[in-house]
């Protein structure tokens, strides 16, 4: 790992666990085992280091799930989206915690971060709602469902499972049955 990556990885971890205000460049330098001058050489200042860490953390979020849904029934598409969302968060837990910690601390963070995270959530929720609506129109799903509300409910339940995992209340062996129960209880309940 080169020096710049070492600094960036250390800074990302510290910003995530301690927040922007409580992370100093001296601390980053000490934990990355580099000089503070080297941090300035690569990133100019703390703000640039923070923004670079944010940008790096956002990279995994640019994914395309639409191709994975091709050829599946609406019910299977919804279940696939639930699985992919859960898998994505599980594989990128470090970056998800990074964003959540910045937002929940209500400390310094770029406004575009919150907007970007909300946009990603909205795109995902809208995709779920569109699939539910398509299934409703085809008669596969119940006629009296509200696609937007049901998509929001699925997302809320999924977030609950993930939050339990973040807080250490749900071990991986209990998260999987919860995920299956979510798909059975909520998704299968939409079927005619």
N, C-alpha and C. Protein backbone atom coordinates (compact mmCIF):
# COMPACT_ATOMS: atom_id res chain seq x y z
N UNK A 1 0.85 -1.17 0.00
CA UNK A 1 0.00 0.00 0.00
C UNK A 1 0.90 1.24 0.00
N UNK A 2 0.62 2.17 -0.93
CA UNK A 2 1.45 3.37 -0.97
C UNK A 2 1.04 4.34 0.13
N UNK A 3 1.85 5.35 0.35
CA UNK A 3 1.68 6.30 1.44
C UNK A 3 0.34 7.02 1.37
N UNK A 4 -0.04 7.48 0.19
CA UNK A 4 -1.30 8.21 0.04
C UNK A 4 -2.48 7.34 0.45
N UNK A 5 -2.48 6.08 0.02
CA UNK A 5 -3.55 5.15 0.38
C UNK A 5 -3.57 4.86 1.88
N UNK A 6 -2.40 4.76 2.46
CA UNK A 6 -2.28 4.51 3.89
C UNK A 6 -2.88 5.68 4.68
N UNK A 7 -2.57 6.89 4.27
CA UNK A 7 -3.11 8.09 4.91
C UNK A 7 -4.63 8.12 4.74
N UNK A 8 -5.09 7.87 3.54
CA UNK A 8 -6.51 7.91 3.23
C UNK A 8 -7.29 6.86 4.02
N UNK A 9 -6.77 5.66 4.09
CA UNK A 9 -7.43 4.60 4.85
C UNK A 9 -7.51 4.92 6.33
N UNK A 10 -6.43 5.43 6.87
CA UNK A 10 -6.41 5.80 8.28
C UNK A 10 -7.37 6.94 8.56
N UNK A 11 -7.35 7.96 7.72
CA UNK A 11 -8.25 9.11 7.90
C UNK A 11 -9.71 8.69 7.81
N UNK A 12 -10.03 7.82 6.86
CA UNK A 12 -11.41 7.36 6.70
C UNK A 12 -11.87 6.64 7.96
N UNK A 13 -11.03 5.79 8.49
CA UNK A 13 -11.37 5.05 9.71
C UNK A 13 -11.57 6.02 10.88
N UNK A 14 -10.67 6.99 11.03
CA UNK A 14 -10.78 7.93 12.14
C UNK A 14 -11.98 8.86 11.99
N UNK A 15 -12.22 9.38 10.80
CA UNK A 15 -13.40 10.23 10.58
C UNK A 15 -14.67 9.44 10.89
N UNK A 16 -14.68 8.18 10.52
CA UNK A 16 -15.85 7.33 10.72
C UNK A 16 -16.11 7.08 12.20
N UNK A 17 -15.09 6.79 12.95
CA UNK A 17 -15.28 6.44 14.36
C UNK A 17 -15.32 7.65 15.29
N UNK A 18 -14.62 8.72 14.94
CA UNK A 18 -14.52 9.86 15.85
C UNK A 18 -15.22 11.11 15.35
N UNK A 19 -15.49 11.17 14.05
CA UNK A 19 -16.07 12.37 13.48
C UNK A 19 -15.01 13.32 12.97
N UNK A 20 -15.45 14.29 12.21
CA UNK A 20 -14.53 15.27 11.60
C UNK A 20 -13.86 16.13 12.67
N UNK A 21 -14.66 16.68 13.57
CA UNK A 21 -14.14 17.63 14.57
C UNK A 21 -13.15 16.98 15.53
N UNK A 22 -13.35 15.71 15.84
CA UNK A 22 -12.49 15.04 16.81
C UNK A 22 -11.29 14.32 16.19
N UNK A 23 -11.10 14.48 14.91
CA UNK A 23 -9.97 13.85 14.23
C UNK A 23 -9.00 14.94 13.81
N UNK A 24 -7.78 14.84 14.30
CA UNK A 24 -6.77 15.83 13.94
C UNK A 24 -5.81 15.23 12.90
N UNK A 25 -5.17 16.11 12.16
CA UNK A 25 -4.17 15.64 11.20
C UNK A 25 -2.98 15.01 11.92
N UNK A 26 -2.69 15.49 13.12
CA UNK A 26 -1.60 14.90 13.91
C UNK A 26 -1.92 13.44 14.26
N UNK A 27 -3.17 13.21 14.60
CA UNK A 27 -3.60 11.85 14.93
C UNK A 27 -3.54 10.95 13.69
N UNK A 28 -4.00 11.47 12.56
CA UNK A 28 -3.93 10.71 11.31
C UNK A 28 -2.48 10.35 11.01
N UNK A 29 -1.60 11.34 11.13
CA UNK A 29 -0.18 11.12 10.85
C UNK A 29 0.40 10.05 11.77
N UNK A 30 0.08 10.16 13.05
CA UNK A 30 0.61 9.19 14.02
C UNK A 30 0.14 7.77 13.71
N UNK A 31 -1.17 7.61 13.47
CA UNK A 31 -1.70 6.27 13.23
C UNK A 31 -1.32 5.71 11.87
N UNK A 32 -1.09 6.59 10.90
CA UNK A 32 -0.66 6.13 9.57
C UNK A 32 0.86 5.96 9.51
N UNK A 33 1.52 6.39 10.58
CA UNK A 33 2.98 6.33 10.69
C UNK A 33 3.66 7.10 9.56
N UNK A 34 3.18 8.33 9.38
CA UNK A 34 3.77 9.25 8.41
C UNK A 34 3.91 10.61 9.08
N UNK A 35 4.63 11.51 8.43
CA UNK A 35 4.74 12.86 8.98
C UNK A 35 3.52 13.68 8.59
N UNK A 36 3.23 14.68 9.38
CA UNK A 36 2.11 15.57 9.08
C UNK A 36 2.37 16.31 7.77
N UNK A 37 3.64 16.62 7.52
CA UNK A 37 4.01 17.30 6.26
C UNK A 37 3.64 16.45 5.05
N UNK A 38 3.76 15.14 5.18
CA UNK A 38 3.40 14.24 4.08
C UNK A 38 1.89 14.28 3.80
N UNK A 39 1.11 14.45 4.86
CA UNK A 39 -0.34 14.59 4.67
C UNK A 39 -0.63 15.86 3.88
N UNK A 40 0.03 16.95 4.26
CA UNK A 40 -0.15 18.22 3.54
C UNK A 40 0.31 18.10 2.09
N UNK A 41 1.35 17.34 1.86
CA UNK A 41 1.87 17.14 0.51
C UNK A 41 0.82 16.47 -0.39
N UNK A 42 0.15 15.45 0.17
CA UNK A 42 -0.83 14.69 -0.61
C UNK A 42 -2.22 15.34 -0.65
N UNK A 43 -2.61 16.03 0.43
CA UNK A 43 -4.01 16.48 0.52
C UNK A 43 -4.20 17.97 0.80
N UNK A 44 -3.17 18.70 1.00
CA UNK A 44 -3.23 20.15 1.20
C UNK A 44 -3.73 20.57 2.58
N UNK A 45 -4.89 20.03 3.01
CA UNK A 45 -5.44 20.39 4.32
C UNK A 45 -6.44 19.31 4.77
N UNK A 46 -6.95 19.48 5.97
CA UNK A 46 -7.87 18.51 6.54
C UNK A 46 -9.16 18.39 5.72
N UNK A 47 -9.67 19.52 5.25
CA UNK A 47 -10.89 19.53 4.44
C UNK A 47 -10.73 18.69 3.17
N UNK A 48 -9.59 18.84 2.49
CA UNK A 48 -9.36 18.07 1.25
C UNK A 48 -9.21 16.58 1.57
N UNK A 49 -8.56 16.27 2.67
CA UNK A 49 -8.42 14.87 3.08
C UNK A 49 -9.81 14.29 3.37
N UNK A 50 -10.64 15.04 4.06
CA UNK A 50 -11.98 14.59 4.39
C UNK A 50 -12.81 14.36 3.12
N UNK A 51 -12.77 15.30 2.20
CA UNK A 51 -13.54 15.18 0.95
C UNK A 51 -13.04 14.00 0.10
N UNK A 52 -11.74 13.78 0.10
CA UNK A 52 -11.19 12.65 -0.65
C UNK A 52 -11.65 11.34 -0.01
N UNK A 53 -11.67 11.30 1.32
CA UNK A 53 -12.15 10.10 2.03
C UNK A 53 -13.63 9.86 1.70
N UNK A 54 -14.42 10.93 1.68
CA UNK A 54 -15.83 10.80 1.33
C UNK A 54 -16.01 10.27 -0.09
N UNK A 55 -15.28 10.85 -1.01
CA UNK A 55 -15.39 10.44 -2.42
C UNK A 55 -15.02 8.97 -2.58
N UNK A 56 -13.97 8.56 -1.93
CA UNK A 56 -13.53 7.17 -2.00
C UNK A 56 -14.59 6.23 -1.42
N UNK A 57 -15.22 6.68 -0.34
CA UNK A 57 -16.22 5.86 0.31
C UNK A 57 -17.48 5.75 -0.53
N UNK A 58 -17.75 6.72 -1.39
CA UNK A 58 -18.94 6.70 -2.25
C UNK A 58 -18.79 5.77 -3.46
N UNK A 59 -17.56 5.45 -3.84
CA UNK A 59 -17.32 4.69 -5.07
C UNK A 59 -18.14 3.40 -5.18
N UNK A 60 -18.27 2.59 -4.11
CA UNK A 60 -19.03 1.35 -4.27
C UNK A 60 -20.53 1.56 -4.50
N UNK A 61 -21.03 2.78 -4.28
CA UNK A 61 -22.46 3.03 -4.38
C UNK A 61 -22.94 3.21 -5.81
N UNK A 62 -22.05 3.27 -6.74
CA UNK A 62 -22.44 3.43 -8.13
C UNK A 62 -22.56 2.03 -8.76
N UNK A 63 -23.70 1.41 -8.52
CA UNK A 63 -23.93 0.05 -8.99
C UNK A 63 -25.18 0.02 -9.85
N UNK A 64 -25.29 -1.00 -10.66
CA UNK A 64 -26.46 -1.16 -11.52
C UNK A 64 -27.07 -2.52 -11.23
N UNK A 65 -28.26 -2.50 -10.63
CA UNK A 65 -28.92 -3.77 -10.29
C UNK A 65 -29.96 -4.18 -11.32
N UNK A 66 -30.30 -3.27 -12.23
CA UNK A 66 -31.38 -3.54 -13.18
C UNK A 66 -31.10 -4.78 -14.02
N UNK A 67 -29.87 -4.99 -14.45
CA UNK A 67 -29.53 -6.16 -15.26
C UNK A 67 -29.80 -7.46 -14.51
N UNK A 68 -29.61 -7.45 -13.18
CA UNK A 68 -29.83 -8.65 -12.37
C UNK A 68 -31.30 -9.03 -12.27
N UNK A 69 -32.19 -8.10 -12.61
CA UNK A 69 -33.63 -8.34 -12.46
C UNK A 69 -34.29 -8.87 -13.73
N UNK A 70 -33.56 -8.80 -14.83
CA UNK A 70 -34.11 -9.18 -16.12
C UNK A 70 -34.58 -10.63 -16.12
N UNK A 71 -35.80 -10.84 -16.60
CA UNK A 71 -36.34 -12.19 -16.73
C UNK A 71 -36.99 -12.74 -15.47
N UNK A 72 -36.96 -12.00 -14.37
CA UNK A 72 -37.55 -12.47 -13.12
C UNK A 72 -38.99 -11.95 -12.99
N UNK A 73 -39.81 -12.69 -12.28
CA UNK A 73 -41.16 -12.20 -11.97
C UNK A 73 -41.03 -11.02 -11.01
N UNK A 74 -42.11 -10.27 -10.87
CA UNK A 74 -42.07 -9.12 -9.97
C UNK A 74 -41.76 -9.53 -8.53
N UNK A 75 -42.34 -10.62 -8.08
CA UNK A 75 -42.09 -11.10 -6.72
C UNK A 75 -40.61 -11.45 -6.57
N UNK A 76 -40.05 -12.15 -7.54
CA UNK A 76 -38.63 -12.52 -7.47
C UNK A 76 -37.73 -11.29 -7.61
N UNK A 77 -38.17 -10.30 -8.38
CA UNK A 77 -37.39 -9.06 -8.50
C UNK A 77 -37.31 -8.35 -7.14
N UNK A 78 -38.43 -8.28 -6.44
CA UNK A 78 -38.45 -7.62 -5.13
C UNK A 78 -37.53 -8.37 -4.17
N UNK A 79 -37.65 -9.69 -4.16
CA UNK A 79 -36.80 -10.49 -3.27
C UNK A 79 -35.32 -10.34 -3.63
N UNK A 80 -35.02 -10.28 -4.91
CA UNK A 80 -33.63 -10.10 -5.35
C UNK A 80 -33.11 -8.73 -4.89
N UNK A 81 -33.94 -7.69 -5.03
CA UNK A 81 -33.52 -6.36 -4.58
C UNK A 81 -33.25 -6.33 -3.08
N UNK A 82 -34.08 -7.00 -2.31
CA UNK A 82 -33.86 -7.08 -0.86
C UNK A 82 -32.53 -7.76 -0.58
N UNK A 83 -32.29 -8.90 -1.23
CA UNK A 83 -31.02 -9.63 -1.04
C UNK A 83 -29.83 -8.79 -1.45
N UNK A 84 -29.92 -8.12 -2.61
CA UNK A 84 -28.79 -7.33 -3.10
C UNK A 84 -28.52 -6.13 -2.20
N UNK A 85 -29.57 -5.50 -1.71
CA UNK A 85 -29.40 -4.37 -0.80
C UNK A 85 -28.69 -4.82 0.48
N UNK A 86 -29.19 -5.92 1.04
CA UNK A 86 -28.59 -6.45 2.27
C UNK A 86 -27.13 -6.86 2.03
N UNK A 87 -26.87 -7.56 0.93
CA UNK A 87 -25.51 -7.98 0.61
C UNK A 87 -24.59 -6.77 0.42
N UNK A 88 -25.10 -5.75 -0.28
CA UNK A 88 -24.28 -4.57 -0.52
C UNK A 88 -23.90 -3.89 0.79
N UNK A 89 -24.88 -3.70 1.67
CA UNK A 89 -24.59 -3.04 2.95
C UNK A 89 -23.63 -3.90 3.76
N UNK A 90 -23.84 -5.22 3.76
CA UNK A 90 -22.95 -6.11 4.51
C UNK A 90 -21.52 -6.04 4.00
N UNK A 91 -21.34 -6.00 2.68
CA UNK A 91 -20.00 -5.94 2.10
C UNK A 91 -19.36 -4.57 2.25
N UNK A 92 -20.17 -3.53 2.39
CA UNK A 92 -19.66 -2.16 2.49
C UNK A 92 -20.00 -1.55 3.84
N UNK A 93 -20.02 -2.39 4.86
CA UNK A 93 -20.43 -1.94 6.19
C UNK A 93 -19.58 -0.77 6.69
N UNK A 94 -18.31 -0.79 6.36
CA UNK A 94 -17.41 0.26 6.83
C UNK A 94 -17.83 1.62 6.26
N UNK A 95 -18.12 1.67 4.97
CA UNK A 95 -18.50 2.94 4.37
C UNK A 95 -19.90 3.36 4.82
N UNK A 96 -20.81 2.40 5.02
CA UNK A 96 -22.15 2.74 5.49
C UNK A 96 -22.06 3.35 6.89
N UNK A 97 -21.26 2.75 7.76
CA UNK A 97 -21.07 3.29 9.10
C UNK A 97 -20.43 4.68 9.03
N UNK A 98 -19.53 4.87 8.09
CA UNK A 98 -18.88 6.16 7.91
C UNK A 98 -19.93 7.23 7.62
N UNK A 99 -20.80 6.96 6.65
CA UNK A 99 -21.83 7.94 6.30
C UNK A 99 -22.82 8.16 7.43
N UNK A 100 -23.26 7.06 8.04
CA UNK A 100 -24.22 7.19 9.13
C UNK A 100 -23.63 7.97 10.29
N UNK A 101 -22.38 7.72 10.60
CA UNK A 101 -21.77 8.44 11.72
C UNK A 101 -21.70 9.93 11.44
N UNK A 102 -21.39 10.30 10.20
CA UNK A 102 -21.35 11.73 9.85
C UNK A 102 -22.72 12.37 9.94
N UNK A 103 -23.71 11.67 9.44
CA UNK A 103 -25.07 12.22 9.43
C UNK A 103 -25.64 12.28 10.85
N UNK A 104 -25.47 11.21 11.62
CA UNK A 104 -26.03 11.15 12.95
C UNK A 104 -25.35 12.10 13.93
N UNK A 105 -24.09 12.35 13.73
CA UNK A 105 -23.38 13.29 14.61
C UNK A 105 -23.79 14.73 14.35
N UNK A 106 -24.41 14.97 13.21
CA UNK A 106 -24.82 16.31 12.80
C UNK A 106 -23.67 17.30 12.90
N UNK A 107 -22.50 16.80 12.58
CA UNK A 107 -21.35 17.69 12.58
C UNK A 107 -21.00 18.04 11.14
N UNK A 108 -19.85 18.56 10.97
CA UNK A 108 -19.42 19.00 9.65
C UNK A 108 -19.48 17.85 8.64
N UNK A 109 -20.27 18.05 7.64
CA UNK A 109 -20.29 17.14 6.50
C UNK A 109 -20.86 17.92 5.33
N UNK A 110 -20.40 17.63 4.17
CA UNK A 110 -20.92 18.36 3.01
C UNK A 110 -22.41 18.10 2.82
N UNK A 111 -23.17 19.14 2.55
CA UNK A 111 -24.60 18.98 2.33
C UNK A 111 -24.88 18.03 1.19
N UNK A 112 -23.97 18.00 0.20
CA UNK A 112 -24.18 17.10 -0.93
C UNK A 112 -24.12 15.63 -0.51
N UNK A 113 -23.46 15.33 0.61
CA UNK A 113 -23.41 13.95 1.11
C UNK A 113 -24.81 13.49 1.50
N UNK A 114 -25.49 14.28 2.31
CA UNK A 114 -26.83 13.92 2.75
C UNK A 114 -27.76 13.84 1.54
N UNK A 115 -27.66 14.80 0.64
CA UNK A 115 -28.47 14.78 -0.57
C UNK A 115 -28.22 13.55 -1.41
N UNK A 116 -26.94 13.17 -1.55
CA UNK A 116 -26.58 12.00 -2.35
C UNK A 116 -27.12 10.72 -1.71
N UNK A 117 -27.00 10.60 -0.40
CA UNK A 117 -27.51 9.41 0.28
C UNK A 117 -29.03 9.33 0.17
N UNK A 118 -29.71 10.48 0.32
CA UNK A 118 -31.16 10.49 0.16
C UNK A 118 -31.57 10.12 -1.26
N UNK A 119 -30.81 10.61 -2.22
CA UNK A 119 -31.10 10.30 -3.63
C UNK A 119 -30.95 8.80 -3.90
N UNK A 120 -29.89 8.20 -3.38
CA UNK A 120 -29.70 6.76 -3.57
C UNK A 120 -30.84 5.96 -2.95
N UNK A 121 -31.27 6.36 -1.75
CA UNK A 121 -32.38 5.70 -1.09
C UNK A 121 -33.67 5.85 -1.90
N UNK A 122 -33.88 7.04 -2.41
CA UNK A 122 -35.10 7.31 -3.18
C UNK A 122 -35.12 6.51 -4.49
N UNK A 123 -33.98 6.43 -5.16
CA UNK A 123 -33.90 5.66 -6.40
C UNK A 123 -34.24 4.19 -6.11
N UNK A 124 -33.68 3.66 -5.07
CA UNK A 124 -33.92 2.26 -4.71
C UNK A 124 -35.38 2.03 -4.34
N UNK A 125 -35.92 2.92 -3.50
CA UNK A 125 -37.32 2.81 -3.08
C UNK A 125 -38.26 2.95 -4.28
N UNK A 126 -37.95 3.88 -5.20
CA UNK A 126 -38.78 4.05 -6.40
C UNK A 126 -38.73 2.82 -7.29
N UNK A 127 -37.56 2.19 -7.40
CA UNK A 127 -37.44 0.96 -8.18
C UNK A 127 -38.34 -0.14 -7.59
N UNK A 128 -38.29 -0.27 -6.27
CA UNK A 128 -39.17 -1.24 -5.61
C UNK A 128 -40.64 -0.92 -5.88
N UNK A 129 -41.00 0.36 -5.74
CA UNK A 129 -42.39 0.78 -5.95
C UNK A 129 -42.83 0.51 -7.39
N UNK A 130 -41.95 0.77 -8.36
CA UNK A 130 -42.29 0.51 -9.76
C UNK A 130 -42.52 -0.97 -10.03
N UNK A 131 -41.71 -1.80 -9.41
CA UNK A 131 -41.87 -3.26 -9.57
C UNK A 131 -43.18 -3.71 -8.93
N UNK A 132 -43.47 -3.19 -7.74
CA UNK A 132 -44.72 -3.54 -7.07
C UNK A 132 -45.91 -3.09 -7.92
N UNK A 133 -45.83 -1.88 -8.45
CA UNK A 133 -46.91 -1.36 -9.28
C UNK A 133 -47.09 -2.22 -10.54
N UNK A 134 -45.99 -2.63 -11.15
CA UNK A 134 -46.06 -3.47 -12.34
C UNK A 134 -46.75 -4.80 -12.01
N UNK A 135 -46.37 -5.40 -10.88
CA UNK A 135 -47.00 -6.65 -10.46
C UNK A 135 -48.47 -6.48 -10.16
N UNK A 136 -48.84 -5.32 -9.61
CA UNK A 136 -50.25 -5.02 -9.33
C UNK A 136 -51.04 -4.90 -10.63
N UNK A 137 -50.46 -4.18 -11.59
CA UNK A 137 -51.14 -3.99 -12.87
C UNK A 137 -51.30 -5.30 -13.64
N UNK A 138 -50.35 -6.21 -13.50
CA UNK A 138 -50.42 -7.50 -14.19
C UNK A 138 -51.33 -8.49 -13.46
N UNK A 139 -51.77 -8.12 -12.25
CA UNK A 139 -52.63 -9.02 -11.49
C UNK A 139 -51.87 -10.05 -10.68
N UNK A 140 -50.54 -9.95 -10.66
CA UNK A 140 -49.72 -10.88 -9.87
C UNK A 140 -49.80 -10.51 -8.39
N UNK A 141 -49.83 -9.21 -8.13
CA UNK A 141 -49.92 -8.71 -6.76
C UNK A 141 -51.33 -8.17 -6.52
N UNK A 142 -51.71 -8.09 -5.25
CA UNK A 142 -53.05 -7.64 -4.89
C UNK A 142 -53.36 -6.27 -5.48
N UNK A 143 -54.60 -6.06 -5.86
CA UNK A 143 -55.02 -4.80 -6.52
C UNK A 143 -55.06 -3.62 -5.56
N UNK A 144 -55.30 -3.85 -4.30
CA UNK A 144 -55.50 -2.75 -3.35
C UNK A 144 -54.24 -2.36 -2.60
N UNK A 145 -53.09 -2.71 -3.09
CA UNK A 145 -51.85 -2.31 -2.42
C UNK A 145 -51.44 -0.93 -2.88
N UNK A 146 -50.65 -0.26 -2.06
CA UNK A 146 -50.11 1.05 -2.39
C UNK A 146 -48.60 0.86 -2.64
N UNK A 147 -48.17 0.88 -3.90
CA UNK A 147 -46.77 0.57 -4.22
C UNK A 147 -45.75 1.43 -3.45
N UNK A 148 -46.01 2.72 -3.32
CA UNK A 148 -45.06 3.60 -2.61
C UNK A 148 -44.97 3.24 -1.13
N UNK A 149 -46.14 3.01 -0.52
CA UNK A 149 -46.16 2.68 0.91
C UNK A 149 -45.54 1.31 1.17
N UNK A 150 -45.84 0.35 0.31
CA UNK A 150 -45.27 -0.98 0.50
C UNK A 150 -43.76 -1.00 0.26
N UNK A 151 -43.30 -0.23 -0.71
CA UNK A 151 -41.85 -0.11 -0.94
C UNK A 151 -41.19 0.53 0.28
N UNK A 152 -41.81 1.57 0.84
CA UNK A 152 -41.26 2.23 2.04
C UNK A 152 -41.25 1.27 3.23
N UNK A 153 -42.29 0.46 3.37
CA UNK A 153 -42.35 -0.50 4.46
C UNK A 153 -41.25 -1.56 4.34
N UNK A 154 -41.04 -2.05 3.13
CA UNK A 154 -39.96 -3.03 2.90
C UNK A 154 -38.61 -2.41 3.25
N UNK A 155 -38.39 -1.17 2.82
CA UNK A 155 -37.12 -0.49 3.12
C UNK A 155 -36.95 -0.29 4.63
N UNK A 156 -38.02 0.09 5.29
CA UNK A 156 -37.97 0.31 6.74
C UNK A 156 -37.62 -0.99 7.48
N UNK A 157 -38.27 -2.07 7.10
CA UNK A 157 -37.98 -3.36 7.72
C UNK A 157 -36.54 -3.79 7.44
N UNK A 158 -36.09 -3.58 6.22
CA UNK A 158 -34.72 -3.94 5.85
C UNK A 158 -33.72 -3.11 6.65
N UNK A 159 -34.00 -1.82 6.80
CA UNK A 159 -33.11 -0.97 7.60
C UNK A 159 -33.08 -1.42 9.06
N UNK A 160 -34.23 -1.86 9.56
CA UNK A 160 -34.27 -2.36 10.94
C UNK A 160 -33.36 -3.56 11.14
N UNK A 161 -33.37 -4.48 10.20
CA UNK A 161 -32.48 -5.65 10.29
C UNK A 161 -31.02 -5.19 10.26
N UNK A 162 -30.72 -4.25 9.37
CA UNK A 162 -29.34 -3.77 9.26
C UNK A 162 -28.91 -3.02 10.51
N UNK A 163 -29.78 -2.21 11.08
CA UNK A 163 -29.44 -1.46 12.29
C UNK A 163 -29.18 -2.42 13.45
N UNK A 164 -29.98 -3.48 13.56
CA UNK A 164 -29.73 -4.47 14.60
C UNK A 164 -28.33 -5.06 14.45
N UNK A 165 -27.93 -5.29 13.21
CA UNK A 165 -26.58 -5.80 12.96
C UNK A 165 -25.51 -4.79 13.34
N UNK A 166 -25.75 -3.50 13.04
CA UNK A 166 -24.79 -2.44 13.39
C UNK A 166 -24.60 -2.37 14.90
N UNK A 167 -25.71 -2.54 15.61
CA UNK A 167 -25.68 -2.38 17.06
C UNK A 167 -25.23 -3.65 17.76
N UNK A 168 -24.99 -4.70 17.00
CA UNK A 168 -24.52 -5.94 17.60
C UNK A 168 -25.62 -6.80 18.18
N UNK A 169 -26.90 -6.42 17.91
CA UNK A 169 -28.01 -7.20 18.46
C UNK A 169 -28.37 -8.40 17.59
N UNK A 170 -27.88 -8.39 16.37
CA UNK A 170 -28.21 -9.50 15.48
C UNK A 170 -26.92 -10.05 14.87
N UNK A 171 -26.60 -11.27 15.25
CA UNK A 171 -25.43 -11.94 14.67
C UNK A 171 -25.79 -12.37 13.26
N UNK A 172 -24.79 -12.58 12.41
CA UNK A 172 -25.09 -13.00 11.04
C UNK A 172 -26.02 -14.21 10.96
N UNK A 173 -25.90 -15.14 11.92
CA UNK A 173 -26.77 -16.32 11.87
C UNK A 173 -28.23 -15.98 12.22
N UNK A 174 -28.48 -14.85 12.86
CA UNK A 174 -29.87 -14.44 13.11
C UNK A 174 -30.35 -13.44 12.06
N UNK A 175 -29.45 -12.75 11.41
CA UNK A 175 -29.85 -11.79 10.37
C UNK A 175 -30.43 -12.49 9.16
N UNK A 176 -29.86 -13.61 8.77
CA UNK A 176 -30.35 -14.33 7.59
C UNK A 176 -31.80 -14.81 7.77
N UNK A 177 -32.15 -15.43 8.91
CA UNK A 177 -33.56 -15.81 9.10
C UNK A 177 -34.49 -14.58 9.11
N UNK A 178 -34.03 -13.46 9.69
CA UNK A 178 -34.84 -12.24 9.67
C UNK A 178 -35.07 -11.76 8.24
N UNK A 179 -34.02 -11.83 7.44
CA UNK A 179 -34.13 -11.42 6.04
C UNK A 179 -35.13 -12.32 5.30
N UNK A 180 -35.05 -13.62 5.54
CA UNK A 180 -36.00 -14.55 4.91
C UNK A 180 -37.43 -14.28 5.39
N UNK A 181 -37.57 -13.98 6.68
CA UNK A 181 -38.88 -13.68 7.23
C UNK A 181 -39.44 -12.39 6.63
N UNK A 182 -38.59 -11.42 6.41
CA UNK A 182 -39.00 -10.17 5.76
C UNK A 182 -39.58 -10.47 4.38
N UNK A 183 -38.87 -11.30 3.63
CA UNK A 183 -39.34 -11.63 2.28
C UNK A 183 -40.65 -12.42 2.33
N UNK A 184 -40.77 -13.31 3.30
CA UNK A 184 -41.99 -14.11 3.40
C UNK A 184 -43.15 -13.26 3.91
N UNK A 185 -42.92 -12.50 4.97
CA UNK A 185 -44.01 -11.74 5.58
C UNK A 185 -44.49 -10.58 4.71
N UNK A 186 -43.56 -9.78 4.26
CA UNK A 186 -43.96 -8.58 3.53
C UNK A 186 -44.17 -8.80 2.03
N UNK A 187 -43.24 -9.47 1.41
CA UNK A 187 -43.33 -9.63 -0.04
C UNK A 187 -44.42 -10.62 -0.42
N UNK A 188 -44.42 -11.77 0.21
CA UNK A 188 -45.43 -12.77 -0.12
C UNK A 188 -46.85 -12.29 0.24
N UNK A 189 -46.94 -11.37 1.21
CA UNK A 189 -48.25 -10.81 1.57
C UNK A 189 -48.82 -9.92 0.46
N UNK A 190 -47.97 -9.47 -0.45
CA UNK A 190 -48.43 -8.63 -1.56
C UNK A 190 -49.08 -9.46 -2.68
N UNK A 191 -48.78 -10.76 -2.68
CA UNK A 191 -49.26 -11.63 -3.75
C UNK A 191 -50.76 -11.87 -3.58
N UNK A 192 -51.44 -11.95 -4.72
CA UNK A 192 -52.91 -12.18 -4.74
C UNK A 192 -53.29 -13.41 -3.96
